[in-house]
Amino acid sequence: MTDLRHKSIDIAIELCKQIITLSSAVIGLSAGILKDAKTPTITLIAASFCAIISIVLGLVFLMSMVTEIEKNYDSIDIYKKNITIPASIQVVFFILCLIFLIIYIL
């Protein structure tokens, strides 16, 4: 595996881990707000739900990367559907999570 390909894989994995961390923080923030709120709002619940889905898809992406690295170490292709689909949907759900959180705050 070339150094450039190795670096791109490392960056993709690191980005996924950062999104998982931020999604976990949103869940903690939502839980704290829900505890203090008299009535839970649908936007806050939707933000938490999207964050959970984002975390699950991030884990699916990481597992797919490990499998792909194990199978094809010398000629890994990170643009396969089993890798790009979970990563793309993870980002979409994280953005939705942020949108719902911003709507709640405003």
PDB file of N, CA and C in Angstrom:
ATOM      1  N   MET A   1       0.850  -1.169   0.000  1.00  0.00           N
ATOM      2  CA  MET A   1       0.000   0.000   0.000  1.00  0.00           C
ATOM      3  C   MET A   1       0.899   1.236   0.000  1.00  0.00           C
ATOM      4  N   THR A   2       0.587   2.185  -0.865  1.00  0.00           N
ATOM      5  CA  THR A   2       1.405   3.391  -0.949  1.00  0.00           C
ATOM      6  C   THR A   2       1.167   4.282   0.247  1.00  0.00           C
ATOM      7  N   ASP A   3       2.106   5.186   0.478  1.00  0.00           N
ATOM      8  CA  ASP A   3       1.989   6.099   1.615  1.00  0.00           C
ATOM      9  C   ASP A   3       0.784   7.018   1.472  1.00  0.00           C
ATOM     10  N   LEU A   4       0.518   7.475   0.256  1.00  0.00           N
ATOM     11  CA  LEU A   4      -0.620   8.363   0.028  1.00  0.00           C
ATOM     12  C   LEU A   4      -1.942   7.652   0.298  1.00  0.00           C
ATOM     13  N   ARG A   5      -2.057   6.421  -0.159  1.00  0.00           N
ATOM     14  CA  ARG A   5      -3.272   5.642   0.085  1.00  0.00           C
ATOM     15  C   ARG A   5      -3.424   5.357   1.583  1.00  0.00           C
ATOM     16  N   HIS A   6      -2.320   5.035   2.236  1.00  0.00           N
ATOM     17  CA  HIS A   6      -2.342   4.781   3.678  1.00  0.00           C
ATOM     18  C   HIS A   6      -2.784   6.026   4.440  1.00  0.00           C
ATOM     19  N   LYS A   7      -2.288   7.183   4.020  1.00  0.00           N
ATOM     20  CA  LYS A   7      -2.666   8.439   4.682  1.00  0.00           C
ATOM     21  C   LYS A   7      -4.142   8.757   4.464  1.00  0.00           C
ATOM     22  N   SER A   8      -4.664   8.497   3.264  1.00  0.00           N
ATOM     23  CA  SER A   8      -6.082   8.776   2.998  1.00  0.00           C
ATOM     24  C   SER A   8      -6.977   7.868   3.835  1.00  0.00           C
ATOM     25  N   ILE A   9      -6.569   6.627   4.030  1.00  0.00           N
ATOM     26  CA  ILE A   9      -7.332   5.713   4.882  1.00  0.00           C
ATOM     27  C   ILE A   9      -7.318   6.190   6.319  1.00  0.00           C
ATOM     28  N   ASP A  10      -6.148   6.632   6.795  1.00  0.00           N
ATOM     29  CA  ASP A  10      -6.047   7.148   8.162  1.00  0.00           C
ATOM     30  C   ASP A  10      -6.926   8.374   8.368  1.00  0.00           C
ATOM     31  N   ILE A  11      -6.957   9.257   7.380  1.00  0.00           N
ATOM     32  CA  ILE A  11      -7.773  10.467   7.490  1.00  0.00           C
ATOM     33  C   ILE A  11      -9.260  10.112   7.503  1.00  0.00           C
ATOM     34  N   ALA A  12      -9.676   9.177   6.658  1.00  0.00           N
ATOM     35  CA  ALA A  12     -11.085   8.763   6.623  1.00  0.00           C
ATOM     36  C   ALA A  12     -11.497   8.149   7.961  1.00  0.00           C
ATOM     37  N   ILE A  13     -10.649   7.326   8.523  1.00  0.00           N
ATOM     38  CA  ILE A  13     -10.961   6.701   9.819  1.00  0.00           C
ATOM     39  C   ILE A  13     -11.003   7.752  10.924  1.00  0.00           C
ATOM     40  N   GLU A  14     -10.071   8.683  10.903  1.00  0.00           N
ATOM     41  CA  GLU A  14     -10.042   9.733  11.923  1.00  0.00           C
ATOM     42  C   GLU A  14     -11.276  10.631  11.832  1.00  0.00           C
ATOM     43  N   LEU A  15     -11.692  10.966  10.616  1.00  0.00           N
ATOM     44  CA  LEU A  15     -12.896  11.772  10.430  1.00  0.00           C
ATOM     45  C   LEU A  15     -14.121  11.052  10.982  1.00  0.00           C
ATOM     46  N   CYS A  16     -14.215   9.764  10.720  1.00  0.00           N
ATOM     47  CA  CYS A  16     -15.329   8.969  11.230  1.00  0.00           C
ATOM     48  C   CYS A  16     -15.337   8.976  12.755  1.00  0.00           C
ATOM     49  N   LYS A  17     -14.171   8.824  13.365  1.00  0.00           N
ATOM     50  CA  LYS A  17     -14.093   8.816  14.823  1.00  0.00           C
ATOM     51  C   LYS A  17     -14.466  10.174  15.408  1.00  0.00           C
ATOM     52  N   GLN A  18     -14.110  11.252  14.728  1.00  0.00           N
ATOM     53  CA  GLN A  18     -14.477  12.594  15.191  1.00  0.00           C
ATOM     54  C   GLN A  18     -15.994  12.795  15.140  1.00  0.00           C
ATOM     55  N   ILE A  19     -16.623  12.313  14.076  1.00  0.00           N
ATOM     56  CA  ILE A  19     -18.082  12.436  13.965  1.00  0.00           C
ATOM     57  C   ILE A  19     -18.771  11.598  15.042  1.00  0.00           C
ATOM     58  N   ILE A  20     -18.239  10.420  15.334  1.00  0.00           N
ATOM     59  CA  ILE A  20     -18.800   9.591  16.406  1.00  0.00           C
ATOM     60  C   ILE A  20     -18.689  10.324  17.741  1.00  0.00           C
ATOM     61  N   THR A  21     -17.558  10.955  17.992  1.00  0.00           N
ATOM     62  CA  THR A  21     -17.359  11.694  19.242  1.00  0.00           C
ATOM     63  C   THR A  21     -18.327  12.870  19.350  1.00  0.00           C
ATOM     64  N   LEU A  22     -18.473  13.627  18.267  1.00  0.00           N
ATOM     65  CA  LEU A  22     -19.384  14.767  18.293  1.00  0.00           C
ATOM     66  C   LEU A  22     -20.840  14.329  18.424  1.00  0.00           C
ATOM     67  N   SER A  23     -21.189  13.225  17.791  1.00  0.00           N
ATOM     68  CA  SER A  23     -22.558  12.705  17.916  1.00  0.00           C
ATOM     69  C   SER A  23     -22.830  12.262  19.355  1.00  0.00           C
ATOM     70  N   SER A  24     -21.842  11.678  19.989  1.00  0.00           N
ATOM     71  CA  SER A  24     -21.994  11.292  21.399  1.00  0.00           C
ATOM     72  C   SER A  24     -22.189  12.515  22.283  1.00  0.00           C
ATOM     73  N   ALA A  25     -21.482  13.588  21.966  1.00  0.00           N
ATOM     74  CA  ALA A  25     -21.645  14.830  22.727  1.00  0.00           C
ATOM     75  C   ALA A  25     -23.045  15.404  22.547  1.00  0.00           C
ATOM     76  N   VAL A  26     -23.579  15.310  21.335  1.00  0.00           N
ATOM     77  CA  VAL A  26     -24.946  15.801  21.088  1.00  0.00           C
ATOM     78  C   VAL A  26     -25.956  14.990  21.899  1.00  0.00           C
ATOM     79  N   ILE A  27     -25.737  13.690  21.986  1.00  0.00           N
ATOM     80  CA  ILE A  27     -26.640  12.850  22.786  1.00  0.00           C
ATOM     81  C   ILE A  27     -26.587  13.262  24.253  1.00  0.00           C
ATOM     82  N   GLY A  28     -25.381  13.505  24.763  1.00  0.00           N
ATOM     83  CA  GLY A  28     -25.249  13.953  26.150  1.00  0.00           C
ATOM     84  C   GLY A  28     -25.901  15.303  26.385  1.00  0.00           C
ATOM     85  N   LEU A  29     -25.718  16.217  25.446  1.00  0.00           N
ATOM     86  CA  LEU A  29     -26.348  17.527  25.549  1.00  0.00           C
ATOM     87  C   LEU A  29     -27.864  17.408  25.503  1.00  0.00           C
ATOM     88  N   SER A  30     -28.361  16.585  24.589  1.00  0.00           N
ATOM     89  CA  SER A  30     -29.811  16.393  24.471  1.00  0.00           C
ATOM     90  C   SER A  30     -30.388  15.763  25.734  1.00  0.00           C
ATOM     91  N   ALA A  31     -29.667  14.804  26.301  1.00  0.00           N
ATOM     92  CA  ALA A  31     -30.152  14.171  27.530  1.00  0.00           C
ATOM     93  C   ALA A  31     -30.196  15.172  28.673  1.00  0.00           C
ATOM     94  N   GLY A  32     -29.202  16.030  28.760  1.00  0.00           N
ATOM     95  CA  GLY A  32     -29.207  17.064  29.798  1.00  0.00           C
ATOM     96  C   GLY A  32     -30.336  18.055  29.626  1.00  0.00           C
ATOM     97  N   ILE A  33     -30.597  18.450  28.397  1.00  0.00           N
ATOM     98  CA  ILE A  33     -31.691  19.386  28.131  1.00  0.00           C
ATOM     99  C   ILE A  33     -33.031  18.713  28.391  1.00  0.00           C
ATOM    100  N   LEU A  34     -33.183  17.454  27.960  1.00  0.00           N
ATOM    101  CA  LEU A  34     -34.448  16.740  28.167  1.00  0.00           C
ATOM    102  C   LEU A  34     -34.745  16.543  29.651  1.00  0.00           C
ATOM    103  N   LYS A  35     -33.701  16.371  30.449  1.00  0.00           N
ATOM    104  CA  LYS A  35     -33.895  16.180  31.886  1.00  0.00           C
ATOM    105  C   LYS A  35     -34.479  17.437  32.533  1.00  0.00           C
ATOM    106  N   ASP A  36     -34.024  18.597  32.056  1.00  0.00           N
ATOM    107  CA  ASP A  36     -34.487  19.856  32.630  1.00  0.00           C
ATOM    108  C   ASP A  36     -35.764  20.389  31.994  1.00  0.00           C
ATOM    109  N   ALA A  37     -36.072  19.929  30.788  1.00  0.00           N
ATOM    110  CA  ALA A  37     -37.258  20.431  30.091  1.00  0.00           C
ATOM    111  C   ALA A  37     -38.523  19.824  30.696  1.00  0.00           C
ATOM    112  N   LYS A  38     -39.572  20.627  30.728  1.00  0.00           N
ATOM    113  CA  LYS A  38     -40.846  20.123  31.247  1.00  0.00           C
ATOM    114  C   LYS A  38     -41.495  19.158  30.260  1.00  0.00           C
ATOM    115  N   THR A  39     -41.457  19.511  28.987  1.00  0.00           N
ATOM    116  CA  THR A  39     -41.999  18.632  27.958  1.00  0.00           C
ATOM    117  C   THR A  39     -40.951  18.467  26.867  1.00  0.00           C
ATOM    118  N   PRO A  40     -40.671  17.234  26.503  1.00  0.00           N
ATOM    119  CA  PRO A  40     -39.680  17.022  25.437  1.00  0.00           C
ATOM    120  C   PRO A  40     -40.237  17.458  24.085  1.00  0.00           C
ATOM    121  N   THR A  41     -39.397  18.081  23.300  1.00  0.00           N
ATOM    122  CA  THR A  41     -39.831  18.510  21.970  1.00  0.00           C
ATOM    123  C   THR A  41     -39.357  17.505  20.924  1.00  0.00           C
ATOM    124  N   ILE A  42     -40.074  17.483  19.826  1.00  0.00           N
ATOM    125  CA  ILE A  42     -39.772  16.522  18.771  1.00  0.00           C
ATOM    126  C   ILE A  42     -38.421  16.817  18.133  1.00  0.00           C
ATOM    127  N   THR A  43     -38.021  18.094  18.074  1.00  0.00           N
ATOM    128  CA  THR A  43     -36.737  18.418  17.441  1.00  0.00           C
ATOM    129  C   THR A  43     -35.561  17.897  18.264  1.00  0.00           C
ATOM    130  N   LEU A  44     -35.664  17.960  19.570  1.00  0.00           N
ATOM    131  CA  LEU A  44     -34.584  17.455  20.420  1.00  0.00           C
ATOM    132  C   LEU A  44     -34.512  15.932  20.372  1.00  0.00           C
ATOM    133  N   ILE A  45     -35.657  15.298  20.331  1.00  0.00           N
ATOM    134  CA  ILE A  45     -35.679  13.834  20.210  1.00  0.00           C
ATOM    135  C   ILE A  45     -35.147  13.417  18.837  1.00  0.00           C
ATOM    136  N   ALA A  46     -35.503  14.168  17.795  1.00  0.00           N
ATOM    137  CA  ALA A  46     -35.005  13.864  16.443  1.00  0.00           C
ATOM    138  C   ALA A  46     -33.494  14.051  16.365  1.00  0.00           C
ATOM    139  N   ALA A  47     -32.963  15.081  17.038  1.00  0.00           N
ATOM    140  CA  ALA A  47     -31.512  15.295  17.053  1.00  0.00           C
ATOM    141  C   ALA A  47     -30.807  14.117  17.713  1.00  0.00           C
ATOM    142  N   SER A  48     -31.354  13.631  18.823  1.00  0.00           N
ATOM    143  CA  SER A  48     -30.760  12.477  19.505  1.00  0.00           C
ATOM    144  C   SER A  48     -30.843  11.224  18.639  1.00  0.00           C
ATOM    145  N   PHE A  49     -31.971  11.029  17.998  1.00  0.00           N
ATOM    146  CA  PHE A  49     -32.145   9.863  17.133  1.00  0.00           C
ATOM    147  C   PHE A  49     -31.154   9.897  15.974  1.00  0.00           C
ATOM    148  N   CYS A  50     -31.006  11.047  15.343  1.00  0.00           N
ATOM    149  CA  CYS A  50     -30.049  11.172  14.230  1.00  0.00           C
ATOM    150  C   CYS A  50     -28.616  10.956  14.712  1.00  0.00           C
ATOM    151  N   ALA A  51     -28.300  11.414  15.910  1.00  0.00           N
ATOM    152  CA  ALA A  51     -26.962  11.212  16.459  1.00  0.00           C
ATOM    153  C   ALA A  51     -26.700   9.728  16.702  1.00  0.00           C
ATOM    154  N   ILE A  52     -27.692   9.017  17.210  1.00  0.00           N
ATOM    155  CA  ILE A  52     -27.532   7.570  17.443  1.00  0.00           C
ATOM    156  C   ILE A  52     -27.325   6.840  16.118  1.00  0.00           C
ATOM    157  N   ILE A  53     -28.118   7.186  15.106  1.00  0.00           N
ATOM    158  CA  ILE A  53     -27.966   6.564  13.794  1.00  0.00           C
ATOM    159  C   ILE A  53     -26.581   6.874  13.217  1.00  0.00           C
ATOM    160  N   SER A  54     -26.113   8.097  13.415  1.00  0.00           N
ATOM    161  CA  SER A  54     -24.788   8.477  12.932  1.00  0.00           C
ATOM    162  C   SER A  54     -23.692   7.658  13.600  1.00  0.00           C
ATOM    163  N   ILE A  55     -23.822   7.411  14.894  1.00  0.00           N
ATOM    164  CA  ILE A  55     -22.832   6.601  15.612  1.00  0.00           C
ATOM    165  C   ILE A  55     -22.842   5.172  15.089  1.00  0.00           C
ATOM    166  N   VAL A  56     -24.017   4.610  14.912  1.00  0.00           N
ATOM    167  CA  VAL A  56     -24.116   3.226  14.420  1.00  0.00           C
ATOM    168  C   VAL A  56     -23.502   3.109  13.024  1.00  0.00           C
ATOM    169  N   LEU A  57     -23.803   4.058  12.153  1.00  0.00           N
ATOM    170  CA  LEU A  57     -23.239   4.014  10.802  1.00  0.00           C
ATOM    171  C   LEU A  57     -21.727   4.231  10.819  1.00  0.00           C
ATOM    172  N   GLY A  58     -21.248   5.027  11.758  1.00  0.00           N
ATOM    173  CA  GLY A  58     -19.805   5.192  11.901  1.00  0.00           C
ATOM    174  C   GLY A  58     -19.136   3.890  12.292  1.00  0.00           C
ATOM    175  N   LEU A  59     -19.762   3.154  13.183  1.00  0.00           N
ATOM    176  CA  LEU A  59     -19.211   1.857  13.570  1.00  0.00           C
ATOM    177  C   LEU A  59     -19.250   0.869  12.412  1.00  0.00           C
ATOM    178  N   VAL A  60     -20.316   0.912  11.618  1.00  0.00           N
ATOM    179  CA  VAL A  60     -20.399   0.052  10.428  1.00  0.00           C
ATOM    180  C   VAL A  60     -19.279   0.414   9.455  1.00  0.00           C
ATOM    181  N   PHE A  61     -19.041   1.706   9.274  1.00  0.00           N
ATOM    182  CA  PHE A  61     -17.955   2.148   8.404  1.00  0.00           C
ATOM    183  C   PHE A  61     -16.606   1.638   8.905  1.00  0.00           C
ATOM    184  N   LEU A  62     -16.346   1.779  10.202  1.00  0.00           N
ATOM    185  CA  LEU A  62     -15.070   1.310  10.750  1.00  0.00           C
ATOM    186  C   LEU A  62     -14.906  -0.196  10.586  1.00  0.00           C
ATOM    187  N   MET A  63     -15.971  -0.944  10.801  1.00  0.00           N
ATOM    188  CA  MET A  63     -15.890  -2.394  10.623  1.00  0.00           C
ATOM    189  C   MET A  63     -15.657  -2.751   9.154  1.00  0.00           C
ATOM    190  N   SER A  64     -16.280  -2.011   8.245  1.00  0.00           N
ATOM    191  CA  SER A  64     -16.064  -2.252   6.817  1.00  0.00           C
ATOM    192  C   SER A  64     -14.620  -1.950   6.424  1.00  0.00           C
ATOM    193  N   MET A  65     -14.063  -0.899   7.002  1.00  0.00           N
ATOM    194  CA  MET A  65     -12.671  -0.554   6.711  1.00  0.00           C
ATOM    195  C   MET A  65     -11.722  -1.642   7.206  1.00  0.00           C
ATOM    196  N   VAL A  66     -11.968  -2.136   8.396  1.00  0.00           N
ATOM    197  CA  VAL A  66     -11.116  -3.197   8.931  1.00  0.00           C
ATOM    198  C   VAL A  66     -11.191  -4.436   8.045  1.00  0.00           C
ATOM    199  N   THR A  67     -12.389  -4.792   7.637  1.00  0.00           N
ATOM    200  CA  THR A  67     -12.559  -5.956   6.763  1.00  0.00           C
ATOM    201  C   THR A  67     -11.854  -5.750   5.428  1.00  0.00           C
ATOM    202  N   GLU A  68     -12.005  -4.569   4.862  1.00  0.00           N
ATOM    203  CA  GLU A  68     -11.382  -4.282   3.568  1.00  0.00           C
ATOM    204  C   GLU A  68      -9.858  -4.272   3.675  1.00  0.00           C
ATOM    205  N   ILE A  69      -9.332  -3.725   4.738  1.00  0.00           N
ATOM    206  CA  ILE A  69      -7.876  -3.719   4.932  1.00  0.00           C
ATOM    207  C   ILE A  69      -7.363  -5.142   5.105  1.00  0.00           C
ATOM    208  N   GLU A  70      -8.107  -5.949   5.841  1.00  0.00           N
ATOM    209  CA  GLU A  70      -7.693  -7.333   6.066  1.00  0.00           C
ATOM    210  C   GLU A  70      -7.702  -8.142   4.767  1.00  0.00           C
ATOM    211  N   LYS A  71      -8.715  -7.931   3.946  1.00  0.00           N
ATOM    212  CA  LYS A  71      -8.837  -8.706   2.711  1.00  0.00           C
ATOM    213  C   LYS A  71      -7.851  -8.258   1.640  1.00  0.00           C
ATOM    214  N   ASN A  72      -7.735  -6.955   1.455  1.00  0.00           N
ATOM    215  CA  ASN A  72      -6.968  -6.408   0.325  1.00  0.00           C
ATOM    216  C   ASN A  72      -5.948  -5.381   0.803  1.00  0.00           C
ATOM    217  N   TYR A  73      -5.013  -5.785   1.603  1.00  0.00           N
ATOM    218  CA  TYR A  73      -4.071  -4.822   2.176  1.00  0.00           C
ATOM    219  C   TYR A  73      -3.261  -4.101   1.105  1.00  0.00           C
ATOM    220  N   ASP A  74      -2.803  -4.816   0.098  1.00  0.00           N
ATOM    221  CA  ASP A  74      -1.937  -4.200  -0.903  1.00  0.00           C
ATOM    222  C   ASP A  74      -2.691  -3.377  -1.940  1.00  0.00           C
ATOM    223  N   SER A  75      -3.936  -3.705  -2.186  1.00  0.00           N
ATOM    224  CA  SER A  75      -4.692  -2.987  -3.219  1.00  0.00           C
ATOM    225  C   SER A  75      -6.060  -2.565  -2.700  1.00  0.00           C
ATOM    226  N   ILE A  76      -6.085  -1.928  -1.564  1.00  0.00           N
ATOM    227  CA  ILE A  76      -7.358  -1.534  -0.960  1.00  0.00           C
ATOM    228  C   ILE A  76      -8.022  -0.437  -1.787  1.00  0.00           C
ATOM    229  N   ASP A  77      -9.320  -0.547  -1.916  1.00  0.00           N
ATOM    230  CA  ASP A  77     -10.118   0.446  -2.622  1.00  0.00           C
ATOM    231  C   ASP A  77     -11.134   1.006  -1.644  1.00  0.00           C
ATOM    232  N   ILE A  78     -10.925   2.247  -1.208  1.00  0.00           N
ATOM    233  CA  ILE A  78     -11.836   2.819  -0.215  1.00  0.00           C
ATOM    234  C   ILE A  78     -13.092   3.407  -0.859  1.00  0.00           C
ATOM    235  N   TYR A  79     -13.229   3.249  -2.159  1.00  0.00           N
ATOM    236  CA  TYR A  79     -14.410   3.748  -2.844  1.00  0.00           C
ATOM    237  C   TYR A  79     -15.414   2.648  -3.156  1.00  0.00           C
ATOM    238  N   LYS A  80     -15.307   1.530  -2.469  1.00  0.00           N
ATOM    239  CA  LYS A  80     -16.308   0.473  -2.633  1.00  0.00           C
ATOM    240  C   LYS A  80     -17.592   0.888  -1.931  1.00  0.00           C
ATOM    241  N   LYS A  81     -18.709   0.342  -2.393  1.00  0.00           N
ATOM    242  CA  LYS A  81     -20.009   0.731  -1.835  1.00  0.00           C
ATOM    243  C   LYS A  81     -20.149   0.357  -0.362  1.00  0.00           C
ATOM    244  N   ASN A  82     -19.549  -0.750   0.057  1.00  0.00           N
ATOM    245  CA  ASN A  82     -19.692  -1.144   1.459  1.00  0.00           C
ATOM    246  C   ASN A  82     -18.930  -0.200   2.392  1.00  0.00           C
ATOM    247  N   ILE A  83     -18.106   0.665   1.833  1.00  0.00           N
ATOM    248  CA  ILE A  83     -17.392   1.651   2.641  1.00  0.00           C
ATOM    249  C   ILE A  83     -18.000   3.040   2.457  1.00  0.00           C
ATOM    250  N   THR A  84     -18.278   3.424   1.222  1.00  0.00           N
ATOM    251  CA  THR A  84     -18.748   4.791   0.975  1.00  0.00           C
ATOM    252  C   THR A  84     -20.182   5.036   1.419  1.00  0.00           C
ATOM    253  N   ILE A  85     -21.037   4.025   1.302  1.00  0.00           N
ATOM    254  CA  ILE A  85     -22.445   4.235   1.682  1.00  0.00           C
ATOM    255  C   ILE A  85     -22.600   4.511   3.180  1.00  0.00           C
ATOM    256  N   PRO A  86     -22.044   3.688   4.080  1.00  0.00           N
ATOM    257  CA  PRO A  86     -22.184   4.021   5.506  1.00  0.00           C
ATOM    258  C   PRO A  86     -21.535   5.350   5.876  1.00  0.00           C
ATOM    259  N   ALA A  87     -20.390   5.657   5.253  1.00  0.00           N
ATOM    260  CA  ALA A  87     -19.713   6.919   5.567  1.00  0.00           C
ATOM    261  C   ALA A  87     -20.551   8.117   5.120  1.00  0.00           C
ATOM    262  N   SER A  88     -21.118   8.034   3.931  1.00  0.00           N
ATOM    263  CA  SER A  88     -21.934   9.142   3.419  1.00  0.00           C
ATOM    264  C   SER A  88     -23.196   9.333   4.247  1.00  0.00           C
ATOM    265  N   ILE A  89     -23.858   8.237   4.566  1.00  0.00           N
ATOM    266  CA  ILE A  89     -25.091   8.343   5.347  1.00  0.00           C
ATOM    267  C   ILE A  89     -24.785   8.802   6.767  1.00  0.00           C
ATOM    268  N   GLN A  90     -23.629   8.421   7.305  1.00  0.00           N
ATOM    269  CA  GLN A  90     -23.234   8.892   8.634  1.00  0.00           C
ATOM    270  C   GLN A  90     -23.122  10.412   8.646  1.00  0.00           C
ATOM    271  N   VAL A  91     -22.492  10.976   7.639  1.00  0.00           N
ATOM    272  CA  VAL A  91     -22.340  12.430   7.564  1.00  0.00           C
ATOM    273  C   VAL A  91     -23.698  13.106   7.414  1.00  0.00           C
ATOM    274  N   VAL A  92     -24.572  12.534   6.599  1.00  0.00           N
ATOM    275  CA  VAL A  92     -25.911  13.108   6.405  1.00  0.00           C
ATOM    276  C   VAL A  92     -26.682  13.129   7.721  1.00  0.00           C
ATOM    277  N   PHE A  93     -26.654  12.021   8.460  1.00  0.00           N
ATOM    278  CA  PHE A  93     -27.374  11.986   9.731  1.00  0.00           C
ATOM    279  C   PHE A  93     -26.751  12.918  10.763  1.00  0.00           C
ATOM    280  N   PHE A  94     -25.442  13.091  10.720  1.00  0.00           N
ATOM    281  CA  PHE A  94     -24.812  14.035  11.643  1.00  0.00           C
ATOM    282  C   PHE A  94     -25.236  15.464  11.316  1.00  0.00           C
ATOM    283  N   ILE A  95     -25.294  15.799  10.039  1.00  0.00           N
ATOM    284  CA  ILE A  95     -25.755  17.137   9.648  1.00  0.00           C
ATOM    285  C   ILE A  95     -27.212  17.341  10.043  1.00  0.00           C
ATOM    286  N   LEU A  96     -28.051  16.321   9.855  1.00  0.00           N
ATOM    287  CA  LEU A  96     -29.450  16.409  10.299  1.00  0.00           C
ATOM    288  C   LEU A  96     -29.528  16.613  11.811  1.00  0.00           C
ATOM    289  N   CYS A  97     -28.676  15.920  12.515  1.00  0.00           N
ATOM    290  CA  CYS A  97     -28.626  16.052  13.972  1.00  0.00           C
ATOM    291  C   CYS A  97     -28.328  17.502  14.362  1.00  0.00           C
ATOM    292  N   LEU A  98     -27.345  18.096  13.701  1.00  0.00           N
ATOM    293  CA  LEU A  98     -27.003  19.487  13.996  1.00  0.00           C
ATOM    294  C   LEU A  98     -28.135  20.438  13.618  1.00  0.00           C
ATOM    295  N   ILE A  99     -28.797  20.167  12.502  1.00  0.00           N
ATOM    296  CA  ILE A  99     -29.913  21.017  12.075  1.00  0.00           C
ATOM    297  C   ILE A  99     -31.041  20.966  13.099  1.00  0.00           C
ATOM    298  N   PHE A 100     -31.401  19.764  13.557  1.00  0.00           N
ATOM    299  CA  PHE A 100     -32.460  19.648  14.564  1.00  0.00           C
ATOM    300  C   PHE A 100     -32.066  20.332  15.873  1.00  0.00           C
ATOM    301  N   LEU A 101     -30.799  20.233  16.239  1.00  0.00           N
ATOM    302  CA  LEU A 101     -30.339  20.882  17.469  1.00  0.00           C
ATOM    303  C   LEU A 101     -30.392  22.403  17.341  1.00  0.00           C
ATOM    304  N   ILE A 102     -30.012  22.909  16.191  1.00  0.00           N
ATOM    305  CA  ILE A 102     -30.073  24.362  15.956  1.00  0.00           C
ATOM    306  C   ILE A 102     -31.516  24.841  15.945  1.00  0.00           C
ATOM    307  N   ILE A 103     -32.403  24.067  15.340  1.00  0.00           N
ATOM    308  CA  ILE A 103     -33.828  24.438  15.333  1.00  0.00           C
ATOM    309  C   ILE A 103     -34.358  24.479  16.761  1.00  0.00           C
ATOM    310  N   TYR A 104     -33.960  23.530  17.596  1.00  0.00           N
ATOM    311  CA  TYR A 104     -34.409  23.532  18.981  1.00  0.00           C
ATOM    312  C   TYR A 104     -33.899  24.768  19.720  1.00  0.00           C
ATOM    313  N   ILE A 105     -32.639  25.110  19.499  1.00  0.00           N
ATOM    314  CA  ILE A 105     -32.049  26.236  20.218  1.00  0.00           C
ATOM    315  C   ILE A 105     -32.694  27.551  19.791  1.00  0.00           C
ATOM    316  N   LEU A 106     -33.002  27.672  18.503  1.00  0.00           N
ATOM    317  CA  LEU A 106     -33.613  28.909  18.028  1.00  0.00           C
ATOM    318  C   LEU A 106     -35.066  28.935  18.408  1.00  0.00           C
TER     319      LEU A 106
END
